[in-house]
C-alpha atoms as a PDB file:
ATOM      1  CA  MET A   1      84.305  40.154  -6.947  1.00  0.00           C
ATOM      2  CA  SER A   2      80.705  39.350  -5.995  1.00  0.00           C
ATOM      3  CA  LEU A   3      78.292  38.290  -8.717  1.00  0.00           C
ATOM      4  CA  GLN A   4      74.793  39.662  -9.142  1.00  0.00           C
ATOM      5  CA  VAL A   5      72.278  37.789 -11.298  1.00  0.00           C
ATOM      6  CA  VAL A   6      69.276  39.659 -12.679  1.00  0.00           C
ATOM      7  CA  GLY A   7      66.667  37.484 -14.350  1.00  0.00           C
ATOM      8  CA  ILE A   8      64.105  39.245 -16.548  1.00  0.00           C
ATOM      9  CA  ALA A   9      61.485  36.585 -17.153  1.00  0.00           C
ATOM     10  CA  CYS A  10      59.569  38.313 -19.915  1.00  0.00           C
ATOM     11  CA  ASP A  11      59.544  37.540 -23.651  1.00  0.00           C
ATOM     12  CA  TRP A  12      57.081  40.123 -24.994  1.00  0.00           C
ATOM     13  CA  GLY A  13      59.640  41.552 -27.407  1.00  0.00           C
ATOM     14  CA  ALA A  14      60.101  38.229 -29.196  1.00  0.00           C
ATOM     15  CA  GLY A  15      58.213  36.779 -32.117  1.00  0.00           C
ATOM     16  CA  GLN A  16      56.764  33.891 -30.107  1.00  0.00           C
ATOM     17  CA  PRO A  17      56.392  32.961 -26.434  1.00  0.00           C
ATOM     18  CA  GLY A  18      58.758  30.717 -24.502  1.00  0.00           C
ATOM     19  CA  GLY A  19      61.794  32.812 -23.632  1.00  0.00           C
ATOM     20  CA  ALA A  20      60.453  33.748 -20.202  1.00  0.00           C
ATOM     21  CA  SER A  21      60.523  30.115 -19.109  1.00  0.00           C
ATOM     22  CA  ALA A  22      64.234  29.909 -19.937  1.00  0.00           C
ATOM     23  CA  ILE A  23      65.136  31.959 -16.864  1.00  0.00           C
ATOM     24  CA  GLN A  24      63.989  29.245 -14.475  1.00  0.00           C
ATOM     25  CA  SER A  25      65.945  26.643 -16.436  1.00  0.00           C
ATOM     26  CA  TRP A  26      69.164  28.388 -15.363  1.00  0.00           C
ATOM     27  CA  TYR A  27      68.280  27.742 -11.732  1.00  0.00           C
ATOM     28  CA  ALA A  28      67.555  24.105 -12.472  1.00  0.00           C
ATOM     29  CA  LEU A  29      70.992  23.745 -14.072  1.00  0.00           C
ATOM     30  CA  GLY A  30      72.826  25.596 -11.309  1.00  0.00           C
ATOM     31  CA  LEU A  31      71.266  23.456  -8.604  1.00  0.00           C
ATOM     32  CA  TYR A  32      71.668  20.208 -10.553  1.00  0.00           C
ATOM     33  CA  TYR A  33      75.402  20.803 -10.940  1.00  0.00           C
ATOM     34  CA  LYS A  34      75.709  22.035  -7.331  1.00  0.00           C
ATOM     35  CA  HIS A  35      77.491  25.098  -8.655  1.00  0.00           C
ATOM     36  CA  LEU A  36      78.477  26.931  -5.476  1.00  0.00           C
ATOM     37  CA  ALA A  37      79.374  30.238  -7.169  1.00  0.00           C
ATOM     38  CA  TRP A  38      75.933  30.296  -8.794  1.00  0.00           C
ATOM     39  CA  ILE A  39      74.121  29.454  -5.574  1.00  0.00           C
ATOM     40  CA  GLU A  40      75.996  32.112  -3.595  1.00  0.00           C
ATOM     41  CA  ALA A  41      75.396  34.920  -6.106  1.00  0.00           C
ATOM     42  CA  ASP A  42      72.982  37.722  -5.274  1.00  0.00           C
ATOM     43  CA  HIS A  43      69.856  36.885  -7.297  1.00  0.00           C
ATOM     44  CA  VAL A  44      67.041  39.182  -8.428  1.00  0.00           C
ATOM     45  CA  LEU A  45      64.170  37.780 -10.486  1.00  0.00           C
ATOM     46  CA  LEU A  46      61.719  40.038 -12.313  1.00  0.00           C
ATOM     47  CA  SER A  47      58.483  38.748 -13.805  1.00  0.00           C
ATOM     48  CA  PRO A  48      55.484  40.838 -14.897  1.00  0.00           C
ATOM     49  CA  VAL A  49      52.106  40.485 -13.245  1.00  0.00           C
ATOM     50  CA  GLU A  50      49.701  39.937 -16.134  1.00  0.00           C
ATOM     51  CA  LYS A  51      46.112  41.132 -15.875  1.00  0.00           C
ATOM     52  CA  LYS A  52      45.404  39.237 -19.079  1.00  0.00           C
ATOM     53  CA  PRO A  53      47.568  37.063 -21.360  1.00  0.00           C
ATOM     54  CA  VAL A  54      49.672  39.485 -23.390  1.00  0.00           C
ATOM     55  CA  TRP A  55      50.390  36.911 -26.089  1.00  0.00           C
ATOM     56  CA  ILE A  56      46.771  36.603 -27.246  1.00  0.00           C
ATOM     57  CA  GLU A  57      47.047  39.852 -29.223  1.00  0.00           C
ATOM     58  CA  THR A  58      49.700  42.162 -30.651  1.00  0.00           C
ATOM     59  CA  GLY A  59      48.164  45.277 -29.069  1.00  0.00           C
ATOM     60  CA  ARG A  60      47.377  48.545 -30.802  1.00  0.00           C
ATOM     61  CA  HIS A  61      50.921  48.989 -32.146  1.00  0.00           C
ATOM     62  CA  VAL A  62      51.011  46.803 -35.243  1.00  0.00           C
ATOM     63  CA  TYR A  63      54.580  47.886 -36.038  1.00  0.00           C
ATOM     64  CA  ALA A  64      55.806  47.524 -32.452  1.00  0.00           C
ATOM     65  CA  ARG A  65      54.003  44.493 -31.119  1.00  0.00           C
ATOM     66  CA  ARG A  66      52.981  44.383 -27.456  1.00  0.00           C
ATOM     67  CA  LEU A  67      54.643  47.764 -26.924  1.00  0.00           C
ATOM     68  CA  ASP A  68      52.184  49.036 -24.315  1.00  0.00           C
ATOM     69  CA  ALA A  69      52.625  46.005 -22.056  1.00  0.00           C
ATOM     70  CA  TRP A  70      56.388  46.063 -22.661  1.00  0.00           C
ATOM     71  CA  MET A  71      56.675  49.712 -21.658  1.00  0.00           C
ATOM     72  CA  GLU A  72      54.736  49.152 -18.439  1.00  0.00           C
ATOM     73  CA  PHE A  73      57.061  46.338 -17.342  1.00  0.00           C
ATOM     74  CA  ALA A  74      60.112  48.284 -18.552  1.00  0.00           C
ATOM     75  CA  GLY A  75      59.569  50.742 -15.715  1.00  0.00           C
ATOM     76  CA  GLN A  76      60.088  47.917 -13.210  1.00  0.00           C
ATOM     77  CA  VAL A  77      63.212  46.764 -15.040  1.00  0.00           C
ATOM     78  CA  ARG A  78      64.719  50.244 -15.006  1.00  0.00           C
ATOM     79  CA  GLU A  79      63.960  50.794 -11.334  1.00  0.00           C
ATOM     80  CA  THR A  80      65.559  47.486 -10.400  1.00  0.00           C
ATOM     81  CA  ILE A  81      68.780  48.326 -12.231  1.00  0.00           C
ATOM     82  CA  ARG A  82      68.873  51.762 -10.617  1.00  0.00           C
ATOM     83  CA  SER A  83      68.691  50.169  -7.186  1.00  0.00           C
ATOM     84  CA  LEU A  84      71.273  47.401  -7.694  1.00  0.00           C
ATOM     85  CA  PRO A  85      74.166  47.835  -5.257  1.00  0.00           C
ATOM     86  CA  GLY A  86      77.737  47.838  -6.479  1.00  0.00           C
ATOM     87  CA  LEU A  87      77.432  46.828 -10.141  1.00  0.00           C
ATOM     88  CA  GLU A  88      80.828  45.178  -9.989  1.00  0.00           C
ATOM     89  CA  LYS A  89      79.848  42.080 -11.969  1.00  0.00           C
ATOM     90  CA  VAL A  90      76.321  41.443 -13.226  1.00  0.00           C
ATOM     91  CA  LEU A  91      74.828  38.607 -15.249  1.00  0.00           C
ATOM     92  CA  PHE A  92      71.559  39.518 -16.962  1.00  0.00           C
ATOM     93  CA  LEU A  93      69.346  36.630 -18.076  1.00  0.00           C
ATOM     94  CA  THR A  94      66.643  37.980 -20.350  1.00  0.00           C
ATOM     95  CA  GLY A  95      63.631  36.389 -21.983  1.00  0.00           C
ATOM     96  CA  ASP A  96      64.327  38.268 -25.211  1.00  0.00           C
ATOM     97  CA  HIS A  97      66.821  40.795 -26.546  1.00  0.00           C
ATOM     98  CA  SER A  98      64.580  43.853 -26.307  1.00  0.00           C
ATOM     99  CA  TRP A  99      65.451  44.293 -22.624  1.00  0.00           C
ATOM    100  CA  ALA A 100      68.961  45.432 -23.501  1.00  0.00           C
ATOM    101  CA  GLY A 101      67.209  48.627 -24.588  1.00  0.00           C
ATOM    102  CA  CYS A 102      66.249  49.179 -20.918  1.00  0.00           C
ATOM    103  CA  ILE A 103      69.396  47.859 -19.286  1.00  0.00           C
ATOM    104  CA  LEU A 104      72.067  49.812 -21.156  1.00  0.00           C
ATOM    105  CA  PRO A 105      70.757  53.356 -20.504  1.00  0.00           C
ATOM    106  CA  GLU A 106      70.548  52.657 -16.774  1.00  0.00           C
ATOM    107  CA  LEU A 107      74.061  51.182 -16.674  1.00  0.00           C
ATOM    108  CA  HIS A 108      75.347  54.175 -18.609  1.00  0.00           C
ATOM    109  CA  ARG A 109      73.898  56.573 -16.036  1.00  0.00           C
ATOM    110  CA  ARG A 110      75.635  54.747 -13.203  1.00  0.00           C
ATOM    111  CA  VAL A 111      78.892  53.620 -14.793  1.00  0.00           C
ATOM    112  CA  GLY A 112      79.688  56.086 -17.587  1.00  0.00           C
ATOM    113  CA  ARG A 113      80.840  55.240 -21.093  1.00  0.00           C
ATOM    114  CA  ILE A 114      80.025  51.619 -21.932  1.00  0.00           C
ATOM    115  CA  GLY A 115      81.296  49.486 -24.788  1.00  0.00           C
ATOM    116  CA  VAL A 116      78.975  46.842 -26.200  1.00  0.00           C
ATOM    117  CA  VAL A 117      80.016  43.506 -27.690  1.00  0.00           C
ATOM    118  CA  TRP A 118      76.947  42.267 -29.587  1.00  0.00           C
ATOM    119  CA  ILE A 119      77.293  38.509 -30.183  1.00  0.00           C
ATOM    120  CA  ASP A 120      74.273  37.779 -32.344  1.00  0.00           C
ATOM    121  CA  ALA A 121      73.114  36.585 -35.737  1.00  0.00           C
ATOM    122  CA  HIS A 122      71.132  39.821 -36.020  1.00  0.00           C
ATOM    123  CA  ALA A 123      72.071  43.498 -35.871  1.00  0.00           C
ATOM    124  CA  ASP A 124      68.926  44.540 -33.925  1.00  0.00           C
ATOM    125  CA  LEU A 125      69.094  48.079 -35.349  1.00  0.00           C
ATOM    126  CA  HIS A 126      65.511  48.289 -36.566  1.00  0.00           C
ATOM    127  CA  ASN A 127      62.848  50.775 -35.606  1.00  0.00           C
ATOM    128  CA  PRO A 128      59.081  50.293 -36.094  1.00  0.00           C
ATOM    129  CA  ALA A 129      59.263  51.898 -39.544  1.00  0.00           C
ATOM    130  CA  THR A 130      62.006  49.581 -40.845  1.00  0.00           C
ATOM    131  CA  SER A 131      61.254  46.301 -39.052  1.00  0.00           C
ATOM    132  CA  PRO A 132      59.640  43.624 -41.232  1.00  0.00           C
ATOM    133  CA  SER A 133      58.174  41.899 -38.157  1.00  0.00           C
ATOM    134  CA  GLY A 134      57.373  44.644 -35.652  1.00  0.00           C
ATOM    135  CA  ASN A 135      59.010  42.605 -32.889  1.00  0.00           C
ATOM    136  CA  LEU A 136      60.839  44.707 -30.303  1.00  0.00           C
ATOM    137  CA  HIS A 137      63.713  42.243 -29.924  1.00  0.00           C
ATOM    138  CA  GLY A 138      64.963  43.498 -33.295  1.00  0.00           C
ATOM    139  CA  MET A 139      65.185  47.098 -32.032  1.00  0.00           C
ATOM    140  CA  PRO A 140      67.313  47.411 -28.834  1.00  0.00           C
ATOM    141  CA  LEU A 141      70.467  48.795 -30.461  1.00  0.00           C
ATOM    142  CA  ALA A 142      68.389  51.381 -32.282  1.00  0.00           C
ATOM    143  CA  MET A 143      66.950  52.365 -28.890  1.00  0.00           C
ATOM    144  CA  VAL A 144      70.333  52.916 -27.250  1.00  0.00           C
ATOM    145  CA  THR A 145      72.272  54.401 -30.185  1.00  0.00           C
ATOM    146  CA  GLY A 146      69.591  56.525 -31.872  1.00  0.00           C
ATOM    147  CA  LEU A 147      71.162  55.654 -35.225  1.00  0.00           C
ATOM    148  CA  ASN A 148      68.061  54.480 -37.063  1.00  0.00           C
ATOM    149  CA  THR A 149      65.727  57.348 -37.956  1.00  0.00           C
ATOM    150  CA  GLU A 150      64.658  55.895 -41.308  1.00  0.00           C
ATOM    151  CA  ARG A 151      60.962  55.448 -42.150  1.00  0.00           C
ATOM    152  CA  PHE A 152      60.597  52.794 -44.837  1.00  0.00           C
ATOM    153  CA  HIS A 153      56.890  52.167 -44.288  1.00  0.00           C
ATOM    154  CA  PRO A 154      54.143  54.317 -42.749  1.00  0.00           C
ATOM    155  CA  VAL A 155      53.725  54.045 -38.989  1.00  0.00           C
ATOM    156  CA  PRO A 156      50.884  55.697 -37.025  1.00  0.00           C
ATOM    157  CA  ALA A 157      51.920  58.833 -35.172  1.00  0.00           C
ATOM    158  CA  PHE A 158      50.955  57.370 -31.800  1.00  0.00           C
ATOM    159  CA  THR A 159      53.336  54.449 -32.367  1.00  0.00           C
ATOM    160  CA  TRP A 160      56.167  56.661 -33.598  1.00  0.00           C
ATOM    161  CA  ASN A 161      55.784  59.002 -30.620  1.00  0.00           C
ATOM    162  CA  GLU A 162      55.966  56.069 -28.197  1.00  0.00           C
ATOM    163  CA  TRP A 163      59.029  54.776 -30.032  1.00  0.00           C
ATOM    164  CA  GLU A 164      60.813  58.125 -29.820  1.00  0.00           C
ATOM    165  CA  SER A 165      60.217  58.185 -26.077  1.00  0.00           C
ATOM    166  CA  LEU A 166      62.219  54.956 -25.837  1.00  0.00           C
ATOM    167  CA  VAL A 167      65.221  56.150 -27.837  1.00  0.00           C
ATOM    168  CA  GLN A 168      68.057  57.126 -25.516  1.00  0.00           C
ATOM    169  CA  PRO A 169      71.317  57.517 -27.477  1.00  0.00           C
ATOM    170  CA  VAL A 170      73.750  56.596 -24.706  1.00  0.00           C
ATOM    171  CA  ILE A 171      75.961  54.225 -26.737  1.00  0.00           C
ATOM    172  CA  SER A 172      78.240  55.620 -29.444  1.00  0.00           C
ATOM    173  CA  ALA A 173      78.462  53.853 -32.790  1.00  0.00           C
ATOM    174  CA  GLU A 174      82.208  53.396 -32.365  1.00  0.00           C
ATOM    175  CA  ASP A 175      81.604  51.637 -29.044  1.00  0.00           C
ATOM    176  CA  VAL A 176      79.671  48.685 -30.521  1.00  0.00           C
ATOM    177  CA  VAL A 177      81.378  45.572 -31.905  1.00  0.00           C
ATOM    178  CA  PHE A 178      79.215  43.027 -33.748  1.00  0.00           C
ATOM    179  CA  ILE A 179      80.253  39.379 -33.848  1.00  0.00           C
ATOM    180  CA  GLY A 180      78.444  36.583 -35.669  1.00  0.00           C
ATOM    181  CA  LEU A 181      76.176  38.642 -37.956  1.00  0.00           C
ATOM    182  CA  ARG A 182      74.474  36.807 -40.794  1.00  0.00           C
ATOM    183  CA  SER A 183      70.772  37.740 -40.751  1.00  0.00           C
ATOM    184  CA  TYR A 184      69.991  41.406 -41.234  1.00  0.00           C
ATOM    185  CA  GLU A 185      68.089  43.767 -43.523  1.00  0.00           C
ATOM    186  CA  PRO A 186      69.700  46.359 -45.826  1.00  0.00           C
ATOM    187  CA  PRO A 187      68.770  49.351 -43.594  1.00  0.00           C
ATOM    188  CA  GLU A 188      70.722  47.793 -40.739  1.00  0.00           C
ATOM    189  CA  MET A 189      73.867  47.114 -42.740  1.00  0.00           C
ATOM    190  CA  ASP A 190      73.621  50.608 -44.242  1.00  0.00           C
ATOM    191  CA  ILE A 191      73.768  52.023 -40.704  1.00  0.00           C
ATOM    192  CA  ILE A 192      76.692  49.796 -39.729  1.00  0.00           C
ATOM    193  CA  THR A 193      78.630  50.767 -42.855  1.00  0.00           C
ATOM    194  CA  ARG A 194      77.885  54.506 -42.639  1.00  0.00           C
ATOM    195  CA  ALA A 195      78.786  54.671 -38.961  1.00  0.00           C
ATOM    196  CA  ASN A 196      81.895  52.527 -39.502  1.00  0.00           C
ATOM    197  CA  MET A 197      80.861  50.159 -36.727  1.00  0.00           C
ATOM    198  CA  PRO A 198      83.288  47.240 -36.251  1.00  0.00           C
ATOM    199  CA  HIS A 199      81.577  44.054 -37.337  1.00  0.00           C
ATOM    200  CA  PHE A 200      82.630  40.454 -37.900  1.00  0.00           C
ATOM    201  CA  THR A 201      80.161  38.190 -39.645  1.00  0.00           C
ATOM    202  CA  ALA A 202      79.800  34.513 -38.861  1.00  0.00           C
ATOM    203  CA  ALA A 203      81.559  33.790 -42.164  1.00  0.00           C
ATOM    204  CA  ASP A 204      84.460  36.036 -41.107  1.00  0.00           C
ATOM    205  CA  VAL A 205      84.890  34.141 -37.839  1.00  0.00           C
ATOM    206  CA  VAL A 206      84.720  30.751 -39.536  1.00  0.00           C
ATOM    207  CA  ARG A 207      87.223  31.849 -42.182  1.00  0.00           C
ATOM    208  CA  VAL A 208      89.875  33.638 -40.080  1.00  0.00           C
ATOM    209  CA  GLY A 209      89.016  32.834 -36.457  1.00  0.00           C
ATOM    210  CA  ILE A 210      88.236  35.060 -33.490  1.00  0.00           C
ATOM    211  CA  THR A 211      91.549  36.957 -33.307  1.00  0.00           C
ATOM    212  CA  PRO A 212      90.512  40.042 -35.365  1.00  0.00           C
ATOM    213  CA  ALA A 213      87.343  40.412 -33.298  1.00  0.00           C
ATOM    214  CA  VAL A 214      89.254  40.096 -30.032  1.00  0.00           C
ATOM    215  CA  GLU A 215      91.738  42.723 -31.223  1.00  0.00           C
ATOM    216  CA  ALA A 216      88.866  45.122 -31.993  1.00  0.00           C
ATOM    217  CA  ILE A 217      87.471  44.538 -28.508  1.00  0.00           C
ATOM    218  CA  HIS A 218      90.828  45.293 -26.900  1.00  0.00           C
ATOM    219  CA  MET A 219      90.834  48.607 -28.773  1.00  0.00           C
ATOM    220  CA  LEU A 220      87.314  49.271 -27.494  1.00  0.00           C
ATOM    221  CA  VAL A 221      88.423  48.566 -23.921  1.00  0.00           C
ATOM    222  CA  GLN A 222      90.863  51.480 -24.052  1.00  0.00           C
ATOM    223  CA  ARG A 223      88.134  54.112 -24.497  1.00  0.00           C
ATOM    224  CA  VAL A 224      85.302  52.924 -22.233  1.00  0.00           C
ATOM    225  CA  GLU A 225      84.692  52.477 -18.523  1.00  0.00           C
ATOM    226  CA  ALA A 226      83.109  49.026 -18.794  1.00  0.00           C
ATOM    227  CA  ILE A 227      82.118  46.381 -21.335  1.00  0.00           C
ATOM    228  CA  TYR A 228      78.639  44.899 -21.742  1.00  0.00           C
ATOM    229  CA  VAL A 229      78.705  41.564 -23.561  1.00  0.00           C
ATOM    230  CA  SER A 230      75.319  40.679 -25.047  1.00  0.00           C
ATOM    231  CA  PHE A 231      75.192  37.016 -26.036  1.00  0.00           C
ATOM    232  CA  ASP A 232      72.174  35.975 -28.098  1.00  0.00           C
ATOM    233  CA  VAL A 233      72.206  32.203 -28.466  1.00  0.00           C
ATOM    234  CA  ASP A 234      70.994  32.427 -32.064  1.00  0.00           C
ATOM    235  CA  VAL A 235      74.587  33.289 -32.955  1.00  0.00           C
ATOM    236  CA  TRP A 236      75.068  29.530 -32.789  1.00  0.00           C
ATOM    237  CA  ASP A 237      74.187  27.506 -35.836  1.00  0.00           C
ATOM    238  CA  PRO A 238      70.779  25.848 -35.327  1.00  0.00           C
ATOM    239  CA  SER A 239      72.365  22.463 -35.912  1.00  0.00           C
ATOM    240  CA  PHE A 240      74.079  23.010 -32.548  1.00  0.00           C
ATOM    241  CA  ALA A 241      71.426  24.995 -30.697  1.00  0.00           C
ATOM    242  CA  ARG A 242      67.826  24.787 -31.816  1.00  0.00           C
ATOM    243  CA  GLY A 243      66.192  26.292 -28.722  1.00  0.00           C
ATOM    244  CA  THR A 244      65.755  29.856 -29.933  1.00  0.00           C
ATOM    245  CA  GLY A 245      63.090  31.630 -31.929  1.00  0.00           C
ATOM    246  CA  SER A 246      65.087  33.364 -34.679  1.00  0.00           C
ATOM    247  CA  THR A 247      67.427  30.739 -36.036  1.00  0.00           C
ATOM    248  CA  ALA A 248      69.570  31.376 -39.100  1.00  0.00           C
ATOM    249  CA  PRO A 249      71.778  28.857 -40.939  1.00  0.00           C
ATOM    250  CA  GLY A 250      75.505  29.383 -41.250  1.00  0.00           C
ATOM    251  CA  GLY A 251      76.134  30.224 -37.600  1.00  0.00           C
ATOM    252  CA  LEU A 252      79.006  29.691 -35.214  1.00  0.00           C
ATOM    253  CA  SER A 253      79.906  26.479 -33.440  1.00  0.00           C
ATOM    254  CA  ILE A 254      79.801  25.935 -29.688  1.00  0.00           C
ATOM    255  CA  ALA A 255      83.627  26.006 -29.710  1.00  0.00           C
ATOM    256  CA  HIS A 256      83.823  29.330 -31.574  1.00  0.00           C
ATOM    257  CA  VAL A 257      81.655  31.041 -28.984  1.00  0.00           C
ATOM    258  CA  ARG A 258      83.286  29.416 -25.957  1.00  0.00           C
ATOM    259  CA  ASN A 259      86.738  30.409 -27.156  1.00  0.00           C
ATOM    260  CA  LEU A 260      85.574  33.964 -27.800  1.00  0.00           C
ATOM    261  CA  LEU A 261      83.906  34.285 -24.399  1.00  0.00           C
ATOM    262  CA  ASN A 262      86.954  32.858 -22.640  1.00  0.00           C
ATOM    263  CA  GLU A 263      89.040  35.638 -24.187  1.00  0.00           C
ATOM    264  CA  LEU A 264      86.497  38.282 -23.181  1.00  0.00           C
ATOM    265  CA  PHE A 265      86.170  37.097 -19.587  1.00  0.00           C
ATOM    266  CA  ALA A 266      89.913  37.633 -19.133  1.00  0.00           C
ATOM    267  CA  ILE A 267      89.372  41.375 -19.684  1.00  0.00           C
ATOM    268  CA  GLU A 268      88.932  43.275 -16.425  1.00  0.00           C
ATOM    269  CA  LYS A 269      86.426  45.758 -17.857  1.00  0.00           C
ATOM    270  CA  VAL A 270      84.022  43.012 -18.922  1.00  0.00           C
ATOM    271  CA  ARG A 271      81.685  43.553 -15.976  1.00  0.00           C
ATOM    272  CA  PHE A 272      78.290  42.957 -17.556  1.00  0.00           C
ATOM    273  CA  LEU A 273      77.070  39.892 -19.425  1.00  0.00           C
ATOM    274  CA  GLU A 274      73.639  39.309 -20.930  1.00  0.00           C
ATOM    275  CA  VAL A 275      72.436  35.914 -22.154  1.00  0.00           C
ATOM    276  CA  THR A 276      69.213  36.001 -24.112  1.00  0.00           C
ATOM    277  CA  GLU A 277      66.748  34.429 -26.560  1.00  0.00           C
ATOM    278  CA  ILE A 278      66.803  30.868 -25.186  1.00  0.00           C
ATOM    279  CA  ASN A 279      63.410  29.264 -25.806  1.00  0.00           C
ATOM    280  CA  PRO A 280      62.942  25.859 -24.116  1.00  0.00           C
ATOM    281  CA  LEU A 281      59.646  25.340 -25.964  1.00  0.00           C
ATOM    282  CA  LEU A 282      61.613  24.998 -29.189  1.00  0.00           C
ATOM    283  CA  ASP A 283      64.447  22.946 -27.705  1.00  0.00           C
ATOM    284  CA  ARG A 284      65.218  19.334 -26.996  1.00  0.00           C
ATOM    285  CA  GLU A 285      66.089  18.347 -23.392  1.00  0.00           C
ATOM    286  CA  ASN A 286      67.043  21.932 -22.535  1.00  0.00           C
ATOM    287  CA  GLN A 287      70.251  21.563 -24.567  1.00  0.00           C
ATOM    288  CA  THR A 288      70.578  25.216 -25.602  1.00  0.00           C
ATOM    289  CA  ALA A 289      70.378  26.441 -22.008  1.00  0.00           C
ATOM    290  CA  LEU A 290      72.928  23.796 -21.042  1.00  0.00           C
ATOM    291  CA  PHE A 291      75.327  24.916 -23.777  1.00  0.00           C
ATOM    292  CA  ALA A 292      74.896  28.545 -22.728  1.00  0.00           C
ATOM    293  CA  TYR A 293      75.384  27.742 -19.041  1.00  0.00           C
ATOM    294  CA  GLY A 294      78.630  25.926 -19.771  1.00  0.00           C
ATOM    295  CA  SER A 295      79.845  28.687 -22.071  1.00  0.00           C
ATOM    296  CA  ILE A 296      79.444  31.481 -19.533  1.00  0.00           C
ATOM    297  CA  ARG A 297      80.401  29.513 -16.419  1.00  0.00           C
ATOM    298  CA  PRO A 298      83.863  31.162 -16.287  1.00  0.00           C
ATOM    299  CA  PHE A 299      82.097  34.510 -15.807  1.00  0.00           C
ATOM    300  CA  ILE A 300      80.153  33.054 -12.889  1.00  0.00           C
ATOM    301  CA  ASP A 301      82.959  31.353 -10.985  1.00  0.00           C
ATOM    302  CA  GLY A 302      85.971  33.420 -12.074  1.00  0.00           C
ATOM    303  CA  GLN A 303      87.928  30.510 -13.522  1.00  0.00           C
ATOM    304  CA  LEU A 304      88.767  30.522 -17.235  1.00  0.00           C
ATOM    305  CA  GLU A 305      88.772  27.307 -19.193  1.00  0.00           C
ATOM    306  CA  ASP A 306      92.562  27.350 -19.604  1.00  0.00           C
ATOM    307  CA  GLY A 307      93.023  27.447 -15.847  1.00  0.00           C
ATOM    308  CA  ARG A 308      93.621  31.199 -15.522  1.00  0.00           C
ATOM    309  CA  ALA A 309      91.615  33.231 -13.048  1.00  0.00           C
ATOM    310  CA  THR A 310      89.524  36.031 -14.479  1.00  0.00           C
ATOM    311  CA  LEU A 311      90.928  39.484 -13.806  1.00  0.00           C
ATOM    312  CA  GLU A 312      89.178  41.192 -10.910  1.00  0.00           C
END
């Protein structure tokens, strides 16, 4: 099964710059380790052309920072995904997590019903009227599920109208499994509880292991056409991986995540993998990218860490 790699070198949805530069670090690692499967993949790299530095201001949307610039580049992201041939096996490398809000609707249109495994410290179910930060990387699951319609603080009509244009409810609540949660606001957990969305906190995984989460994913597999695994590196405890902008204590170990991913990559319907929120500017010697590269290498070369071949 041929691998496609789509790099989205843009971090405008994050709380601070740096994530865009992480995309190039993957190429440095792949070439340094002479990883043939990586080199032979079909690579597409997207990077916005900036007329002025976007990071010098938040833009006119105080509750959805840099939204205008984000939306302009989002059109290029969507068009690229529409034109990708095959879609048999795709690795998405994104500068921040907001881009899942563009990727998933386009995959849904081409593939059909998609299950989402959200490996993240955060639920990312905010909208501009519930987000305490206004950063778009906390909103992608609200974009693709349409579950968050709450308005906890006043938002200008022009911002709310732009937000509603982004909401495309293509992912059902029952088709999302959260793993590693530990940093979220009450509105997000209220949504998860009301919608009965399967979720396993970091404390759950540390206490009982990954088996219950893997069992929930196998149940998800039975009702969807494909699985999209979204791996935000802040699911790791910052004592292991410091190179990300939204760290939270009490996270998972490198081993927890590698074991979980190894189980997921053995599932035939796991065709899409996103790795996001690596920020080399906050890291030491590119360690977080290195940990992530090693953790998802079985997806790239089709060889699981226990010697089994991935199912294709």
